[in-house]
Amino acid sequence: MKVVYLGPVAPHWEVHGVFGDGRLIDDFRQRALARLQLLPPHDPQFRRNRERVARDAERERLILEWDLGYEEPEAAAPSQAT
């Protein structure tokens, strides 16, 4: 799964399924977009919701990649599901 920041104009996010079960990907996409839809990356609520999306991906055993349009420091990036 790849979560992409589209920019400052809403909708801010797009979720792409790279491979896997289409139904699982669609269900995850709906949950992730519900948490992120109106939050740009600089919003304080984004960090909390990003962690929730990452935990959801981990529970579903999905590999999650974030594309925020800029490089993140390694310490700030949440761990990915393996």
PDB file of N, CA and C in Angstrom:
ATOM      1  N   MET A   1       0.846  -1.170   0.000  1.00  0.00           N
ATOM      2  CA  MET A   1       0.000   0.000   0.000  1.00  0.00           C
ATOM      3  C   MET A   1       0.892   1.233   0.000  1.00  0.00           C
ATOM      4  N   LYS A   2       0.471   2.216  -0.748  1.00  0.00           N
ATOM      5  CA  LYS A   2       1.206   3.466  -0.788  1.00  0.00           C
ATOM      6  C   LYS A   2       0.236   4.601  -0.502  1.00  0.00           C
ATOM      7  N   VAL A   3       0.561   5.410   0.508  1.00  0.00           N
ATOM      8  CA  VAL A   3      -0.240   6.565   0.879  1.00  0.00           C
ATOM      9  C   VAL A   3       0.489   7.794   0.355  1.00  0.00           C
ATOM     10  N   VAL A   4      -0.174   8.578  -0.512  1.00  0.00           N
ATOM     11  CA  VAL A   4       0.468   9.702  -1.199  1.00  0.00           C
ATOM     12  C   VAL A   4      -0.224  11.002  -0.808  1.00  0.00           C
ATOM     13  N   TYR A   5       0.590  11.991  -0.405  1.00  0.00           N
ATOM     14  CA  TYR A   5       0.087  13.336  -0.125  1.00  0.00           C
ATOM     15  C   TYR A   5      -0.033  14.070  -1.452  1.00  0.00           C
ATOM     16  N   LEU A   6      -1.224  14.570  -1.765  1.00  0.00           N
ATOM     17  CA  LEU A   6      -1.487  15.225  -3.049  1.00  0.00           C
ATOM     18  C   LEU A   6      -1.236  16.722  -3.040  1.00  0.00           C
ATOM     19  N   GLY A   7      -1.195  17.328  -1.870  1.00  0.00           N
ATOM     20  CA  GLY A   7      -0.937  18.759  -1.792  1.00  0.00           C
ATOM     21  C   GLY A   7      -1.907  19.471  -0.883  1.00  0.00           C
ATOM     22  N   PRO A   8      -1.806  20.797  -0.827  1.00  0.00           N
ATOM     23  CA  PRO A   8      -2.571  21.583   0.131  1.00  0.00           C
ATOM     24  C   PRO A   8      -4.067  21.692  -0.163  1.00  0.00           C
ATOM     25  N   VAL A   9      -4.504  21.310  -1.348  1.00  0.00           N
ATOM     26  CA  VAL A   9      -5.926  21.404  -1.682  1.00  0.00           C
ATOM     27  C   VAL A   9      -6.582  20.049  -1.445  1.00  0.00           C
ATOM     28  N   ALA A  10      -7.692  20.037  -0.710  1.00  0.00           N
ATOM     29  CA  ALA A  10      -8.394  18.783  -0.405  1.00  0.00           C
ATOM     30  C   ALA A  10      -8.989  18.200  -1.676  1.00  0.00           C
ATOM     31  N   PRO A  11      -9.027  16.911  -1.889  1.00  0.00           N
ATOM     32  CA  PRO A  11      -8.563  15.900  -0.930  1.00  0.00           C
ATOM     33  C   PRO A  11      -7.042  15.857  -0.894  1.00  0.00           C
ATOM     34  N   HIS A  12      -6.499  15.693   0.305  1.00  0.00           N
ATOM     35  CA  HIS A  12      -5.058  15.723   0.496  1.00  0.00           C
ATOM     36  C   HIS A  12      -4.376  14.398   0.200  1.00  0.00           C
ATOM     37  N   TRP A  13      -5.116  13.292   0.221  1.00  0.00           N
ATOM     38  CA  TRP A  13      -4.500  11.966   0.218  1.00  0.00           C
ATOM     39  C   TRP A  13      -5.074  11.052  -0.845  1.00  0.00           C
ATOM     40  N   GLU A  14      -4.225  10.125  -1.272  1.00  0.00           N
ATOM     41  CA  GLU A  14      -4.632   9.062  -2.174  1.00  0.00           C
ATOM     42  C   GLU A  14      -3.963   7.784  -1.660  1.00  0.00           C
ATOM     43  N   VAL A  15      -4.677   6.677  -1.689  1.00  0.00           N
ATOM     44  CA  VAL A  15      -4.139   5.401  -1.231  1.00  0.00           C
ATOM     45  C   VAL A  15      -4.157   4.438  -2.407  1.00  0.00           C
ATOM     46  N   HIS A  16      -2.975   3.906  -2.743  1.00  0.00           N
ATOM     47  CA  HIS A  16      -2.832   2.983  -3.864  1.00  0.00           C
ATOM     48  C   HIS A  16      -2.521   1.591  -3.350  1.00  0.00           C
ATOM     49  N   GLY A  17      -3.240   0.611  -3.843  1.00  0.00           N
ATOM     50  CA  GLY A  17      -2.894  -0.771  -3.570  1.00  0.00           C
ATOM     51  C   GLY A  17      -1.923  -1.246  -4.629  1.00  0.00           C
ATOM     52  N   VAL A  18      -0.785  -1.758  -4.214  1.00  0.00           N
ATOM     53  CA  VAL A  18       0.234  -2.202  -5.159  1.00  0.00           C
ATOM     54  C   VAL A  18      -0.050  -3.633  -5.602  1.00  0.00           C
ATOM     55  N   PHE A  19      -0.334  -4.505  -4.649  1.00  0.00           N
ATOM     56  CA  PHE A  19      -0.695  -5.881  -4.966  1.00  0.00           C
ATOM     57  C   PHE A  19      -1.453  -6.458  -3.784  1.00  0.00           C
ATOM     58  N   GLY A  20      -2.190  -7.523  -4.027  1.00  0.00           N
ATOM     59  CA  GLY A  20      -2.922  -8.188  -2.946  1.00  0.00           C
ATOM     60  C   GLY A  20      -4.398  -8.293  -3.254  1.00  0.00           C
ATOM     61  N   ASP A  21      -5.130  -8.749  -2.257  1.00  0.00           N
ATOM     62  CA  ASP A  21      -6.569  -8.947  -2.352  1.00  0.00           C
ATOM     63  C   ASP A  21      -7.275  -7.604  -2.529  1.00  0.00           C
ATOM     64  N   GLY A  22      -8.008  -7.465  -3.603  1.00  0.00           N
ATOM     65  CA  GLY A  22      -8.681  -6.205  -3.912  1.00  0.00           C
ATOM     66  C   GLY A  22      -9.658  -5.758  -2.848  1.00  0.00           C
ATOM     67  N   ARG A  23     -10.400  -6.685  -2.280  1.00  0.00           N
ATOM     68  CA  ARG A  23     -11.386  -6.331  -1.250  1.00  0.00           C
ATOM     69  C   ARG A  23     -10.693  -5.816   0.015  1.00  0.00           C
ATOM     70  N   LEU A  24      -9.611  -6.491   0.425  1.00  0.00           N
ATOM     71  CA  LEU A  24      -8.844  -6.065   1.595  1.00  0.00           C
ATOM     72  C   LEU A  24      -8.271  -4.665   1.368  1.00  0.00           C
ATOM     73  N   ILE A  25      -7.740  -4.443   0.180  1.00  0.00           N
ATOM     74  CA  ILE A  25      -7.163  -3.134  -0.158  1.00  0.00           C
ATOM     75  C   ILE A  25      -8.236  -2.050  -0.149  1.00  0.00           C
ATOM     76  N   ASP A  26      -9.394  -2.319  -0.727  1.00  0.00           N
ATOM     77  CA  ASP A  26     -10.478  -1.327  -0.749  1.00  0.00           C
ATOM     78  C   ASP A  26     -10.967  -0.997   0.653  1.00  0.00           C
ATOM     79  N   ASP A  27     -11.102  -2.018   1.497  1.00  0.00           N
ATOM     80  CA  ASP A  27     -11.539  -1.784   2.884  1.00  0.00           C
ATOM     81  C   ASP A  27     -10.520  -0.934   3.635  1.00  0.00           C
ATOM     82  N   PHE A  28      -9.237  -1.273   3.471  1.00  0.00           N
ATOM     83  CA  PHE A  28      -8.189  -0.499   4.136  1.00  0.00           C
ATOM     84  C   PHE A  28      -8.170   0.934   3.613  1.00  0.00           C
ATOM     85  N   ARG A  29      -8.301   1.107   2.305  1.00  0.00           N
ATOM     86  CA  ARG A  29      -8.298   2.442   1.692  1.00  0.00           C
ATOM     87  C   ARG A  29      -9.400   3.311   2.303  1.00  0.00           C
ATOM     88  N   GLN A  30     -10.595   2.761   2.459  1.00  0.00           N
ATOM     89  CA  GLN A  30     -11.705   3.523   3.036  1.00  0.00           C
ATOM     90  C   GLN A  30     -11.394   3.959   4.462  1.00  0.00           C
ATOM     91  N   ARG A  31     -10.843   3.048   5.267  1.00  0.00           N
ATOM     92  CA  ARG A  31     -10.519   3.393   6.658  1.00  0.00           C
ATOM     93  C   ARG A  31      -9.403   4.436   6.722  1.00  0.00           C
ATOM     94  N   ALA A  32      -8.370   4.274   5.893  1.00  0.00           N
ATOM     95  CA  ALA A  32      -7.243   5.207   5.908  1.00  0.00           C
ATOM     96  C   ALA A  32      -7.690   6.600   5.466  1.00  0.00           C
ATOM     97  N   LEU A  33      -8.458   6.669   4.392  1.00  0.00           N
ATOM     98  CA  LEU A  33      -8.916   7.977   3.911  1.00  0.00           C
ATOM     99  C   LEU A  33      -9.854   8.636   4.908  1.00  0.00           C
ATOM    100  N   ALA A  34     -10.646   7.865   5.627  1.00  0.00           N
ATOM    101  CA  ALA A  34     -11.518   8.444   6.648  1.00  0.00           C
ATOM    102  C   ALA A  34     -10.696   9.124   7.739  1.00  0.00           C
ATOM    103  N   ARG A  35      -9.539   8.585   8.050  1.00  0.00           N
ATOM    104  CA  ARG A  35      -8.676   9.172   9.084  1.00  0.00           C
ATOM    105  C   ARG A  35      -7.848  10.352   8.572  1.00  0.00           C
ATOM    106  N   LEU A  36      -7.519  10.363   7.279  1.00  0.00           N
ATOM    107  CA  LEU A  36      -6.570  11.344   6.761  1.00  0.00           C
ATOM    108  C   LEU A  36      -7.168  12.414   5.866  1.00  0.00           C
ATOM    109  N   GLN A  37      -8.364  12.223   5.380  1.00  0.00           N
ATOM    110  CA  GLN A  37      -8.924  13.016   4.285  1.00  0.00           C
ATOM    111  C   GLN A  37      -8.704  14.519   4.396  1.00  0.00           C
ATOM    112  N   LEU A  38      -8.979  15.111   5.517  1.00  0.00           N
ATOM    113  CA  LEU A  38      -8.899  16.573   5.618  1.00  0.00           C
ATOM    114  C   LEU A  38      -7.683  17.056   6.400  1.00  0.00           C
ATOM    115  N   LEU A  39      -6.686  16.178   6.603  1.00  0.00           N
ATOM    116  CA  LEU A  39      -5.518  16.541   7.397  1.00  0.00           C
ATOM    117  C   LEU A  39      -4.263  16.673   6.537  1.00  0.00           C
ATOM    118  N   PRO A  40      -3.706  17.861   6.433  1.00  0.00           N
ATOM    119  CA  PRO A  40      -2.401  17.982   5.787  1.00  0.00           C
ATOM    120  C   PRO A  40      -1.317  17.482   6.750  1.00  0.00           C
ATOM    121  N   PRO A  41      -0.133  17.133   6.251  1.00  0.00           N
ATOM    122  CA  PRO A  41       0.907  16.559   7.112  1.00  0.00           C
ATOM    123  C   PRO A  41       1.382  17.464   8.242  1.00  0.00           C
ATOM    124  N   HIS A  42       1.211  18.772   8.133  1.00  0.00           N
ATOM    125  CA  HIS A  42       1.664  19.674   9.194  1.00  0.00           C
ATOM    126  C   HIS A  42       0.641  19.829  10.319  1.00  0.00           C
ATOM    127  N   ASP A  43      -0.548  19.261  10.176  1.00  0.00           N
ATOM    128  CA  ASP A  43      -1.584  19.329  11.202  1.00  0.00           C
ATOM    129  C   ASP A  43      -1.199  18.403  12.365  1.00  0.00           C
ATOM    130  N   PRO A  44      -1.309  18.868  13.610  1.00  0.00           N
ATOM    131  CA  PRO A  44      -0.947  18.023  14.760  1.00  0.00           C
ATOM    132  C   PRO A  44      -1.753  16.713  14.824  1.00  0.00           C
ATOM    133  N   GLN A  45      -2.980  16.733  14.371  1.00  0.00           N
ATOM    134  CA  GLN A  45      -3.809  15.517  14.391  1.00  0.00           C
ATOM    135  C   GLN A  45      -3.290  14.474  13.394  1.00  0.00           C
ATOM    136  N   PHE A  46      -2.574  14.923  12.357  1.00  0.00           N
ATOM    137  CA  PHE A  46      -2.064  14.004  11.343  1.00  0.00           C
ATOM    138  C   PHE A  46      -1.157  12.939  11.961  1.00  0.00           C
ATOM    139  N   ARG A  47      -0.263  13.346  12.845  1.00  0.00           N
ATOM    140  CA  ARG A  47       0.669  12.380  13.438  1.00  0.00           C
ATOM    141  C   ARG A  47      -0.074  11.264  14.169  1.00  0.00           C
ATOM    142  N   ARG A  48      -1.083  11.614  14.944  1.00  0.00           N
ATOM    143  CA  ARG A  48      -1.868  10.606  15.673  1.00  0.00           C
ATOM    144  C   ARG A  48      -2.614   9.695  14.710  1.00  0.00           C
ATOM    145  N   ASN A  49      -3.239  10.292  13.695  1.00  0.00           N
ATOM    146  CA  ASN A  49      -3.992   9.471  12.744  1.00  0.00           C
ATOM    147  C   ASN A  49      -3.058   8.637  11.868  1.00  0.00           C
ATOM    148  N   ARG A  50      -1.884   9.147  11.570  1.00  0.00           N
ATOM    149  CA  ARG A  50      -0.906   8.367  10.800  1.00  0.00           C
ATOM    150  C   ARG A  50      -0.513   7.114  11.585  1.00  0.00           C
ATOM    151  N   GLU A  51      -0.309   7.248  12.873  1.00  0.00           N
ATOM    152  CA  GLU A  51       0.023   6.093  13.713  1.00  0.00           C
ATOM    153  C   GLU A  51      -1.129   5.085  13.731  1.00  0.00           C
ATOM    154  N   ARG A  52      -2.348   5.580  13.765  1.00  0.00           N
ATOM    155  CA  ARG A  52      -3.513   4.680  13.739  1.00  0.00           C
ATOM    156  C   ARG A  52      -3.599   3.928  12.410  1.00  0.00           C
ATOM    157  N   VAL A  53      -3.344   4.621  11.304  1.00  0.00           N
ATOM    158  CA  VAL A  53      -3.354   3.979   9.987  1.00  0.00           C
ATOM    159  C   VAL A  53      -2.249   2.922   9.926  1.00  0.00           C
ATOM    160  N   ALA A  54      -1.072   3.238  10.467  1.00  0.00           N
ATOM    161  CA  ALA A  54       0.044   2.284  10.468  1.00  0.00           C
ATOM    162  C   ALA A  54      -0.298   1.049  11.294  1.00  0.00           C
ATOM    163  N   ARG A  55      -0.935   1.230  12.452  1.00  0.00           N
ATOM    164  CA  ARG A  55      -1.337   0.072  13.274  1.00  0.00           C
ATOM    165  C   ARG A  55      -2.381  -0.761  12.553  1.00  0.00           C
ATOM    166  N   ASP A  56      -3.311  -0.107  11.869  1.00  0.00           N
ATOM    167  CA  ASP A  56      -4.334  -0.819  11.099  1.00  0.00           C
ATOM    168  C   ASP A  56      -3.670  -1.656  10.008  1.00  0.00           C
ATOM    169  N   ALA A  57      -2.700  -1.075   9.303  1.00  0.00           N
ATOM    170  CA  ALA A  57      -1.982  -1.810   8.257  1.00  0.00           C
ATOM    171  C   ALA A  57      -1.239  -3.003   8.852  1.00  0.00           C
ATOM    172  N   GLU A  58      -0.654  -2.799  10.009  1.00  0.00           N
ATOM    173  CA  GLU A  58       0.069  -3.894  10.666  1.00  0.00           C
ATOM    174  C   GLU A  58      -0.878  -5.035  11.036  1.00  0.00           C
ATOM    175  N   ARG A  59      -2.049  -4.706  11.562  1.00  0.00           N
ATOM    176  CA  ARG A  59      -3.051  -5.739  11.901  1.00  0.00           C
ATOM    177  C   ARG A  59      -3.484  -6.517  10.671  1.00  0.00           C
ATOM    178  N   GLU A  60      -3.588  -5.824   9.544  1.00  0.00           N
ATOM    179  CA  GLU A  60      -4.016  -6.462   8.291  1.00  0.00           C
ATOM    180  C   GLU A  60      -2.844  -7.110   7.550  1.00  0.00           C
ATOM    181  N   ARG A  61      -1.639  -6.959   8.114  1.00  0.00           N
ATOM    182  CA  ARG A  61      -0.407  -7.497   7.514  1.00  0.00           C
ATOM    183  C   ARG A  61      -0.144  -6.899   6.132  1.00  0.00           C
ATOM    184  N   LEU A  62      -0.312  -5.585   6.065  1.00  0.00           N
ATOM    185  CA  LEU A  62      -0.046  -4.836   4.835  1.00  0.00           C
ATOM    186  C   LEU A  62       1.261  -4.070   4.982  1.00  0.00           C
ATOM    187  N   ILE A  63       2.008  -3.985   3.912  1.00  0.00           N
ATOM    188  CA  ILE A  63       3.213  -3.167   3.888  1.00  0.00           C
ATOM    189  C   ILE A  63       2.772  -1.765   3.495  1.00  0.00           C
ATOM    190  N   LEU A  64       3.134  -0.797   4.301  1.00  0.00           N
ATOM    191  CA  LEU A  64       2.665   0.569   4.107  1.00  0.00           C
ATOM    192  C   LEU A  64       3.842   1.485   3.809  1.00  0.00           C
ATOM    193  N   GLU A  65       3.709   2.274   2.750  1.00  0.00           N
ATOM    194  CA  GLU A  65       4.730   3.242   2.353  1.00  0.00           C
ATOM    195  C   GLU A  65       4.067   4.611   2.296  1.00  0.00           C
ATOM    196  N   TRP A  66       4.754   5.624   2.828  1.00  0.00           N
ATOM    197  CA  TRP A  66       4.235   6.989   2.840  1.00  0.00           C
ATOM    198  C   TRP A  66       5.032   7.847   1.874  1.00  0.00           C
ATOM    199  N   ASP A  67       4.342   8.621   1.055  1.00  0.00           N
ATOM    200  CA  ASP A  67       4.971   9.596   0.167  1.00  0.00           C
ATOM    201  C   ASP A  67       4.380  10.957   0.517  1.00  0.00           C
ATOM    202  N   LEU A  68       5.110  11.702   1.350  1.00  0.00           N
ATOM    203  CA  LEU A  68       4.628  13.006   1.806  1.00  0.00           C
ATOM    204  C   LEU A  68       5.134  14.146   0.940  1.00  0.00           C
ATOM    205  N   GLY A  69       5.900  13.828  -0.087  1.00  0.00           N
ATOM    206  CA  GLY A  69       6.427  14.863  -0.962  1.00  0.00           C
ATOM    207  C   GLY A  69       7.723  15.459  -0.467  1.00  0.00           C
ATOM    208  N   TYR A  70       8.265  14.923   0.630  1.00  0.00           N
ATOM    209  CA  TYR A  70       9.546  15.379   1.160  1.00  0.00           C
ATOM    210  C   TYR A  70      10.177  14.230   1.931  1.00  0.00           C
ATOM    211  N   GLU A  71      11.488  14.320   2.133  1.00  0.00           N
ATOM    212  CA  GLU A  71      12.202  13.290   2.889  1.00  0.00           C
ATOM    213  C   GLU A  71      11.931  13.486   4.380  1.00  0.00           C
ATOM    214  N   GLU A  72      11.696  12.376   5.049  1.00  0.00           N
ATOM    215  CA  GLU A  72      11.472  12.426   6.489  1.00  0.00           C
ATOM    216  C   GLU A  72      12.711  11.941   7.218  1.00  0.00           C
ATOM    217  N   PRO A  73      12.982  12.495   8.396  1.00  0.00           N
ATOM    218  CA  PRO A  73      14.052  11.930   9.219  1.00  0.00           C
ATOM    219  C   PRO A  73      13.662  10.509   9.615  1.00  0.00           C
ATOM    220  N   GLU A  74      14.622   9.609   9.678  1.00  0.00           N
ATOM    221  CA  GLU A  74      14.358   8.202  10.002  1.00  0.00           C
ATOM    222  C   GLU A  74      13.638   8.038  11.335  1.00  0.00           C
ATOM    223  N   ALA A  75      14.014   8.816  12.342  1.00  0.00           N
ATOM    224  CA  ALA A  75      13.417   8.685  13.674  1.00  0.00           C
ATOM    225  C   ALA A  75      11.941   9.077  13.664  1.00  0.00           C
ATOM    226  N   ALA A  76      11.531   9.964  12.769  1.00  0.00           N
ATOM    227  CA  ALA A  76      10.147  10.454  12.754  1.00  0.00           C
ATOM    228  C   ALA A  76       9.210   9.513  12.012  1.00  0.00           C
ATOM    229  N   ALA A  77       9.738   8.687  11.136  1.00  0.00           N
ATOM    230  CA  ALA A  77       8.897   7.783  10.339  1.00  0.00           C
ATOM    231  C   ALA A  77       8.467   6.607  11.192  1.00  0.00           C
ATOM    232  N   PRO A  78       7.157   6.300  11.217  1.00  0.00           N
ATOM    233  CA  PRO A  78       6.696   5.137  11.974  1.00  0.00           C
ATOM    234  C   PRO A  78       7.174   3.857  11.310  1.00  0.00           C
ATOM    235  N   SER A  79       7.276   2.799  12.111  1.00  0.00           N
ATOM    236  CA  SER A  79       7.739   1.537  11.567  1.00  0.00           C
ATOM    237  C   SER A  79       6.711   0.968  10.609  1.00  0.00           C
ATOM    238  N   GLN A  80       7.194   0.224   9.627  1.00  0.00           N
ATOM    239  CA  GLN A  80       6.316  -0.383   8.632  1.00  0.00           C
ATOM    240  C   GLN A  80       5.981  -1.795   9.042  1.00  0.00           C
ATOM    241  N   ALA A  81       4.824  -2.261   8.642  1.00  0.00           N
ATOM    242  CA  ALA A  81       4.444  -3.650   8.878  1.00  0.00           C
ATOM    243  C   ALA A  81       5.294  -4.549   7.995  1.00  0.00           C
ATOM    244  N   THR A  82       5.687  -5.668   8.536  1.00  0.00           N
ATOM    245  CA  THR A  82       6.478  -6.619   7.740  1.00  0.00           C
ATOM    246  C   THR A  82       5.756  -7.900   7.551  1.00  0.00           C
TER     247      THR A  82
END
